[in-house]
Amino acid sequence: MRLTNPKNLQRLAASTLVVGAVALLMMVDSCSTVARTAVVPLQIEGATFVGDKVCADCHERITRAFPASPHARLHLASEARAGQTGCESCHGPGSKHVAVGGGGLKFIVNPGKNPAGCFQCHSDTEAEFHLPQHHPVVEGKMNCVQCHDPHGMDIMKPAGGLAMGRSNESCAQCHRQQTKPVIFEHPAMREGCASCHDPHGSINPKMLTVRDSNLCLRCHAQVQGSKAAGGIYIGNINHTSFLSFGTCWAAGCHTAVHGSNVQPFFLY
């Protein structure tokens, strides 16, 4: 090809432009974040997948209720590992567990002991457990099963048992003082503890969703009063000066924030 020929120069410039565009697209594609999550199947050295029917031989009570759980619809597609569905998606391949008669927990992943099985899919939740204020799951002092029913056996919980439909009851197992029955109950308790607290973790003290009085003002909307210019009224009381003291409970006012037996405004 003679480069002095104008047509050849045009062809060379066009081909160079195409190659450059392709290279740019490859760079953009390789560096961009795409909406895909790679779920790596749990591994147990030397074990193979046996399928849900084998699990049902011993765990009949669990497998009877399991179809009601969203986890029952979890299938990690792979021709090489056709059995990695249902039970083994969360517990790992079960051949060694079966071979020893169901004993030997080292041959099976138990989310009640190790949250790794949950974290392989719930990576966003795992990140929350590394925030400054969190429930001690990653430290091994708690586990996911204490608050969630992964098998769907608790029919009183929505979404087949995964969500905390009776969150106050789940929290009450440890936080008895905050969830005990009272005469004047804070209405927020009826919505569940998670209306004010992030159950996995938070950057705020006590795992609160908001660290200041704005947490309360989400429900107790501030209203401009007519008695004082710019005054903030909650109910019929001017709270303008009170809000400058900090949170509604730390300011020394509504200290019985969860509820009170003697005071309807949770002052003590």
Protein backbone atom coordinates (compact mmCIF):
# COMPACT_ATOMS: atom_id res chain seq x y z
CA MET A 1 0.00 0.00 0.00
CA ARG A 2 1.41 3.37 -0.99
CA LEU A 3 0.76 5.88 1.79
CA THR A 4 1.20 8.75 -0.61
CA ASN A 5 -2.08 7.74 -2.26
CA PRO A 6 -4.87 9.91 -0.77
CA LYS A 7 -7.33 6.97 -0.79
CA ASN A 8 -4.88 4.79 1.09
CA LEU A 9 -4.36 7.54 3.65
CA GLN A 10 -8.13 7.78 4.13
CA ARG A 11 -8.42 3.99 4.61
CA LEU A 12 -5.57 4.02 7.16
CA ALA A 13 -7.12 6.89 9.09
CA ALA A 14 -10.52 5.15 9.12
CA SER A 15 -9.08 1.83 10.32
CA THR A 16 -7.08 3.61 13.03
CA LEU A 17 -10.22 5.37 14.17
CA VAL A 18 -12.16 2.09 14.38
CA VAL A 19 -9.37 0.36 16.34
CA GLY A 20 -9.20 3.30 18.73
CA ALA A 21 -12.96 3.30 19.26
CA VAL A 22 -13.00 -0.44 19.96
CA ALA A 23 -10.12 -0.09 22.44
CA LEU A 24 -11.93 2.77 24.19
CA LEU A 25 -15.14 0.74 24.47
CA MET A 26 -13.21 -2.20 25.92
CA MET A 27 -11.60 0.08 28.51
CA VAL A 28 -14.92 1.62 29.48
CA ASP A 29 -16.60 -1.78 29.73
CA SER A 30 -13.80 -3.24 31.82
CA CYS A 31 -13.73 -0.34 34.27
CA SER A 32 -17.44 0.32 34.63
CA THR A 33 -19.69 -1.08 37.33
CA VAL A 34 -22.42 -3.30 35.96
CA ALA A 35 -25.58 -4.50 37.65
CA ARG A 36 -24.40 -8.08 38.07
CA THR A 37 -23.37 -10.01 41.15
CA ALA A 38 -21.23 -13.10 40.94
CA VAL A 39 -22.39 -15.61 43.54
CA VAL A 40 -19.66 -18.14 44.25
CA PRO A 41 -21.09 -21.46 45.48
CA LEU A 42 -20.04 -22.53 48.94
CA GLN A 43 -17.26 -25.12 48.91
CA ILE A 44 -16.55 -28.02 51.26
CA GLU A 45 -13.35 -29.80 50.36
CA GLY A 46 -13.98 -33.19 48.78
CA ALA A 47 -17.78 -32.92 48.99
CA THR A 48 -20.23 -33.05 46.12
CA PHE A 49 -23.84 -31.91 45.71
CA VAL A 50 -26.52 -34.48 46.52
CA GLY A 51 -29.78 -32.58 45.99
CA ASP A 52 -32.70 -31.56 48.21
CA LYS A 53 -34.34 -35.00 48.26
CA VAL A 54 -31.41 -36.47 50.16
CA CYS A 55 -31.63 -33.65 52.73
CA ALA A 56 -35.35 -34.35 53.20
CA ASP A 57 -34.65 -37.89 54.37
CA CYS A 58 -33.38 -36.56 57.71
CA HIS A 59 -34.66 -32.97 57.84
CA GLU A 60 -38.30 -33.68 57.04
CA ARG A 61 -39.73 -31.05 59.40
CA ILE A 62 -37.65 -28.29 57.82
CA THR A 63 -38.09 -29.35 54.20
CA ARG A 64 -41.87 -29.56 54.63
CA ALA A 65 -42.07 -25.83 55.34
CA PHE A 66 -39.11 -24.79 53.18
CA PRO A 67 -41.09 -24.29 49.90
CA ALA A 68 -42.75 -21.25 51.53
CA SER A 69 -39.39 -19.50 51.87
CA PRO A 70 -37.84 -17.34 49.13
CA HIS A 71 -34.64 -19.30 49.73
CA ALA A 72 -36.39 -22.32 48.17
CA ARG A 73 -36.34 -20.46 44.86
CA LEU A 74 -32.59 -19.94 44.97
CA HIS A 75 -30.89 -21.81 42.14
CA LEU A 76 -27.24 -21.31 41.22
CA ALA A 77 -27.26 -22.46 37.62
CA SER A 78 -24.33 -24.57 36.60
CA GLU A 79 -24.12 -27.68 34.46
CA ALA A 80 -21.04 -28.78 36.38
CA ARG A 81 -22.89 -28.60 39.71
CA ALA A 82 -26.47 -29.50 38.94
CA GLY A 83 -27.29 -30.17 42.59
CA GLN A 84 -26.42 -26.78 44.03
CA THR A 85 -30.00 -25.62 44.51
CA GLY A 86 -32.23 -25.14 47.52
CA CYS A 87 -30.58 -26.49 50.67
CA GLU A 88 -27.06 -26.73 49.28
CA SER A 89 -27.11 -23.15 47.99
CA CYS A 90 -26.78 -22.03 51.61
CA HIS A 91 -25.27 -25.07 53.32
CA GLY A 92 -22.74 -26.17 50.70
CA PRO A 93 -22.37 -29.61 49.06
CA GLY A 94 -23.68 -32.26 51.43
CA SER A 95 -22.16 -35.59 50.38
CA LYS A 96 -19.67 -35.76 53.28
CA HIS A 97 -22.34 -34.63 55.75
CA VAL A 98 -24.57 -37.47 54.57
CA ALA A 99 -21.72 -39.98 54.59
CA VAL A 100 -21.12 -39.51 58.32
CA GLY A 101 -24.80 -39.83 59.12
CA GLY A 102 -25.49 -36.13 59.50
CA GLY A 103 -22.87 -35.60 62.17
CA GLY A 104 -19.70 -33.60 61.89
CA LEU A 105 -20.61 -29.93 61.45
CA LYS A 106 -17.27 -29.37 59.77
CA PHE A 107 -18.78 -31.04 56.68
CA ILE A 108 -21.67 -28.58 56.36
CA VAL A 109 -22.08 -24.80 56.48
CA ASN A 110 -24.37 -23.81 59.35
CA PRO A 111 -25.52 -20.14 59.17
CA GLY A 112 -26.49 -20.46 62.83
CA LYS A 113 -22.78 -20.79 63.61
CA ASN A 114 -21.13 -19.04 60.66
CA PRO A 115 -22.72 -16.16 58.69
CA ALA A 116 -20.56 -16.87 55.61
CA GLY A 117 -23.43 -18.72 53.96
CA CYS A 118 -25.67 -15.65 54.30
CA PHE A 119 -22.99 -13.14 53.33
CA GLN A 120 -22.29 -14.79 49.98
CA CYS A 121 -25.55 -13.23 48.74
CA HIS A 122 -26.21 -10.49 51.31
CA SER A 123 -22.96 -8.59 50.85
CA ASP A 124 -24.65 -5.24 51.52
CA THR A 125 -25.78 -6.51 54.91
CA GLU A 126 -22.28 -7.76 55.67
CA ALA A 127 -21.00 -4.24 55.03
CA GLU A 128 -23.49 -2.85 57.56
CA PHE A 129 -22.07 -5.16 60.21
CA HIS A 130 -18.73 -3.38 59.81
CA LEU A 131 -20.16 0.05 60.67
CA PRO A 132 -19.09 1.59 64.01
CA GLN A 133 -22.33 0.63 65.81
CA HIS A 134 -23.58 -2.88 64.94
CA HIS A 135 -24.87 -6.13 66.29
CA PRO A 136 -21.88 -8.43 66.96
CA VAL A 137 -22.49 -10.92 64.15
CA VAL A 138 -19.06 -10.74 62.51
CA GLU A 139 -17.52 -11.14 65.97
CA GLY A 140 -19.35 -14.46 66.38
CA LYS A 141 -21.45 -13.35 69.38
CA MET A 142 -24.71 -13.40 67.37
CA ASN A 143 -25.96 -15.03 64.19
CA CYS A 144 -28.49 -14.24 61.49
CA VAL A 145 -30.83 -17.06 62.52
CA GLN A 146 -31.53 -15.40 65.87
CA CYS A 147 -33.55 -12.72 64.07
CA HIS A 148 -34.47 -14.34 60.75
CA ASP A 149 -36.06 -17.66 59.88
CA PRO A 150 -34.26 -18.79 56.70
CA HIS A 151 -36.46 -21.87 56.23
CA GLY A 152 -39.84 -20.10 56.31
CA MET A 153 -41.17 -22.07 59.29
CA ASP A 154 -42.39 -18.96 61.11
CA ILE A 155 -45.52 -18.26 59.09
CA MET A 156 -46.22 -15.12 61.12
CA LYS A 157 -43.35 -13.35 59.43
CA PRO A 158 -43.84 -11.83 55.95
CA ALA A 159 -41.84 -12.74 52.85
CA GLY A 160 -41.88 -16.40 53.80
CA GLY A 161 -40.10 -15.89 57.08
CA LEU A 162 -37.08 -13.78 56.16
CA ALA A 163 -38.24 -10.34 57.27
CA MET A 164 -38.74 -9.42 60.90
CA GLY A 165 -42.53 -9.15 60.88
CA ARG A 166 -42.58 -9.48 64.66
CA SER A 167 -39.44 -7.42 65.10
CA ASN A 168 -40.27 -6.31 68.64
CA GLU A 169 -40.51 -9.93 69.73
CA SER A 170 -37.20 -10.75 68.05
CA CYS A 171 -35.51 -7.75 69.65
CA ALA A 172 -37.15 -8.47 73.02
CA GLN A 173 -35.14 -11.67 73.38
CA CYS A 174 -32.19 -9.47 74.34
CA HIS A 175 -33.66 -5.98 74.87
CA ARG A 176 -36.27 -6.83 77.50
CA GLN A 177 -36.12 -3.48 79.31
CA GLN A 178 -36.87 -1.50 76.15
CA THR A 179 -39.71 -3.74 74.92
CA LYS A 180 -41.54 -4.52 78.17
CA PRO A 181 -45.29 -3.69 78.29
CA VAL A 182 -46.09 -0.19 79.58
CA ILE A 183 -49.24 1.82 80.20
CA PHE A 184 -48.25 4.69 77.90
CA GLU A 185 -46.63 3.07 74.90
CA HIS A 186 -44.67 5.09 72.37
CA PRO A 187 -46.64 4.62 69.11
CA ALA A 188 -43.36 4.10 67.28
CA MET A 189 -43.05 0.76 69.08
CA ARG A 190 -46.12 -0.46 67.21
CA GLU A 191 -44.26 0.14 63.96
CA GLY A 192 -41.34 -1.93 65.17
CA CYS A 193 -37.90 -1.18 66.56
CA ALA A 194 -36.52 -0.76 63.04
CA SER A 195 -38.52 2.46 62.62
CA CYS A 196 -35.83 4.19 64.72
CA HIS A 197 -32.91 1.72 64.71
CA ASP A 198 -30.92 0.12 61.89
CA PRO A 199 -30.96 -3.55 62.97
CA HIS A 200 -27.69 -4.50 61.28
CA GLY A 201 -25.51 -1.48 61.88
CA SER A 202 -25.26 2.30 61.78
CA ILE A 203 -22.79 5.16 62.09
CA ASN A 204 -25.00 6.65 64.82
CA PRO A 205 -25.05 5.82 68.56
CA LYS A 206 -27.44 3.02 69.56
CA MET A 207 -27.74 2.14 65.86
CA LEU A 208 -30.22 4.98 65.33
CA THR A 209 -31.25 5.83 61.78
CA VAL A 210 -30.75 9.55 62.56
CA ARG A 211 -28.49 10.85 65.33
CA ASP A 212 -30.30 14.09 66.32
CA SER A 213 -33.81 15.43 66.98
CA ASN A 214 -34.67 15.03 63.29
CA LEU A 215 -35.33 11.39 64.14
CA CYS A 216 -38.33 12.44 66.24
CA LEU A 217 -39.38 15.22 63.90
CA ARG A 218 -40.01 12.71 61.11
CA CYS A 219 -43.24 11.84 62.94
CA HIS A 220 -43.68 14.83 65.27
CA ALA A 221 -43.63 17.40 62.47
CA GLN A 222 -42.43 20.86 63.40
CA VAL A 223 -44.97 23.62 62.86
CA GLN A 224 -44.41 27.35 62.75
CA GLY A 225 -46.34 28.88 65.65
CA SER A 226 -48.25 32.14 65.58
CA LYS A 227 -47.38 33.16 69.15
CA ALA A 228 -43.71 33.70 68.47
CA ALA A 229 -42.16 34.62 65.15
CA GLY A 230 -40.25 31.62 63.82
CA GLY A 231 -41.16 29.50 66.82
CA ILE A 232 -41.28 25.74 66.35
CA TYR A 233 -44.38 24.22 67.94
CA ILE A 234 -44.90 20.51 68.57
CA GLY A 235 -48.42 20.03 69.79
CA ASN A 236 -49.24 23.34 71.48
CA ILE A 237 -45.83 23.79 73.10
CA ASN A 238 -43.07 25.97 71.73
CA HIS A 239 -40.04 23.67 71.35
CA THR A 240 -37.72 26.21 69.73
CA SER A 241 -35.36 26.48 72.70
CA PHE A 242 -35.59 22.79 73.59
CA LEU A 243 -34.42 21.58 70.18
CA SER A 244 -31.15 23.45 70.59
CA PHE A 245 -30.25 21.17 73.53
CA GLY A 246 -29.85 18.13 71.32
CA THR A 247 -32.03 15.08 70.94
CA CYS A 248 -35.47 15.00 72.48
CA TRP A 249 -34.39 12.39 75.05
CA ALA A 250 -30.82 13.55 75.75
CA ALA A 251 -32.07 17.09 76.42
CA GLY A 252 -33.55 15.76 79.65
CA CYS A 253 -37.17 15.85 78.51
CA HIS A 254 -38.55 12.66 76.95
CA THR A 255 -36.18 10.30 78.70
CA ALA A 256 -38.62 7.35 78.70
CA VAL A 257 -38.55 7.29 74.91
CA HIS A 258 -39.80 3.71 74.59
CA GLY A 259 -42.76 4.22 76.89
CA SER A 260 -43.76 5.06 80.44
CA ASN A 261 -46.02 3.70 83.15
CA VAL A 262 -46.71 7.10 84.72
CA GLN A 263 -46.31 9.86 82.13
CA PRO A 264 -48.14 10.09 78.75
CA PHE A 265 -45.48 12.35 77.26
CA PHE A 266 -42.62 9.98 78.20
CA LEU A 267 -40.94 12.56 80.43
CA TYR A 268 -39.96 9.85 82.94
